[in-house]
Protein backbone atom coordinates (compact mmCIF):
# COMPACT_ATOMS: atom_id res chain seq x y z
CA MET A 1 189.10 66.52 92.16
CA THR A 2 185.46 67.79 92.17
CA SER A 3 185.22 68.88 95.79
CA LYS A 4 184.17 72.57 96.32
CA ASN A 5 187.93 72.96 97.52
CA GLU A 6 188.89 72.98 93.76
CA LEU A 7 186.93 76.11 93.22
CA LEU A 8 188.03 77.72 96.29
CA GLN A 9 191.77 76.84 95.57
CA ASN A 10 191.29 78.71 92.12
CA ILE A 11 189.25 81.54 93.60
CA GLU A 12 191.92 84.17 92.43
CA LYS A 13 191.16 83.23 88.77
CA LEU A 14 187.58 84.14 89.11
CA HIS A 15 186.63 86.58 86.50
CA THR A 16 183.89 87.52 83.96
CA THR A 17 183.59 89.55 80.72
CA PRO A 18 182.42 93.15 80.74
CA MET A 19 178.98 91.94 79.44
CA GLY A 20 178.87 89.27 82.10
CA ALA A 21 179.63 91.83 84.88
CA GLU A 22 176.62 93.85 83.67
CA ARG A 23 174.43 90.73 83.51
CA ILE A 24 175.29 89.71 86.88
CA ALA A 25 174.79 93.24 88.53
CA LYS A 26 171.44 93.43 86.73
CA ASN A 27 170.26 89.92 87.68
CA LEU A 28 171.27 90.30 91.27
CA GLY A 29 169.89 93.90 91.43
CA LEU A 30 173.23 95.11 92.63
CA GLY A 31 173.49 98.94 92.69
CA ALA A 32 176.55 101.03 92.30
CA GLN A 33 177.33 100.77 95.87
CA ALA A 34 177.96 97.04 95.51
CA GLY A 35 181.02 97.83 93.37
CA ASP A 36 182.64 95.12 91.27
CA PRO A 37 180.20 92.09 90.60
CA VAL A 38 183.25 89.64 90.59
CA LEU A 39 184.40 90.71 93.98
CA TRP A 40 180.71 90.58 95.27
CA CYS A 41 180.55 87.03 93.93
CA ARG A 42 183.94 86.05 95.29
CA LYS A 43 183.24 87.15 98.78
CA ARG A 44 179.93 84.99 98.79
CA ILE A 45 181.76 81.89 97.29
CA GLU A 46 184.43 82.21 99.85
CA SER A 47 181.85 82.26 102.83
CA PRO A 48 181.53 79.15 104.92
CA GLN A 49 177.80 79.25 104.31
CA CYS A 50 178.07 78.97 100.55
CA ASP A 51 176.75 75.61 99.18
CA ILE A 52 178.94 74.75 96.25
CA SER A 53 178.24 71.86 93.81
CA ARG A 54 179.57 70.85 90.55
CA LYS A 55 177.39 69.52 87.70
CA GLY A 56 179.13 68.85 84.42
CA LYS A 57 181.23 71.77 83.29
CA ASN A 58 179.85 74.32 85.90
CA TRP A 59 180.08 75.04 89.47
CA TYR A 60 176.75 76.18 91.19
CA CYS A 61 177.11 78.43 94.35
CA LEU A 62 174.09 79.03 96.42
CA ILE A 63 174.17 81.69 99.15
CA ASP A 64 172.25 84.62 100.25
CA GLY A 65 169.29 83.95 98.00
CA ALA A 66 171.45 83.86 95.04
CA ARG A 67 172.66 81.25 92.48
CA ILE A 68 176.14 82.00 90.98
CA THR A 69 177.22 79.79 87.93
CA VAL A 70 180.93 79.45 87.33
CA ASN A 71 182.54 77.64 84.54
CA ALA A 72 184.74 74.92 86.00
CA TYR A 73 187.51 75.05 83.46
CA SER A 74 187.86 78.71 82.96
CA CYS A 75 186.74 80.07 86.37
CA THR A 76 184.45 82.51 84.45
CA ILE A 77 181.39 83.69 86.19
CA ILE A 78 178.71 82.95 83.56
CA THR A 79 175.71 84.25 85.36
CA ALA A 80 174.05 84.80 88.72
CA HIS A 81 170.43 85.00 89.60
CA ARG A 82 168.26 85.65 92.69
CA ILE A 83 166.31 82.54 93.73
């Protein structure tokens, strides 16, 4: 199953490392008011406007001028960037 539903069905497994959280917050320009970068990403991925595609081992989620990269096997947010 490679539909975006696969990612959404496993959304509760979404996580990152402490260094990953710092990198995501820095890359997206999230201030302290944004809170947890994983929750910020989860909200956007769950949005109906999110364009989710899978290429190889990663999911790419495009929304609100950001690209969130998630490992398809471990549900780890690898990185996120403004585009």
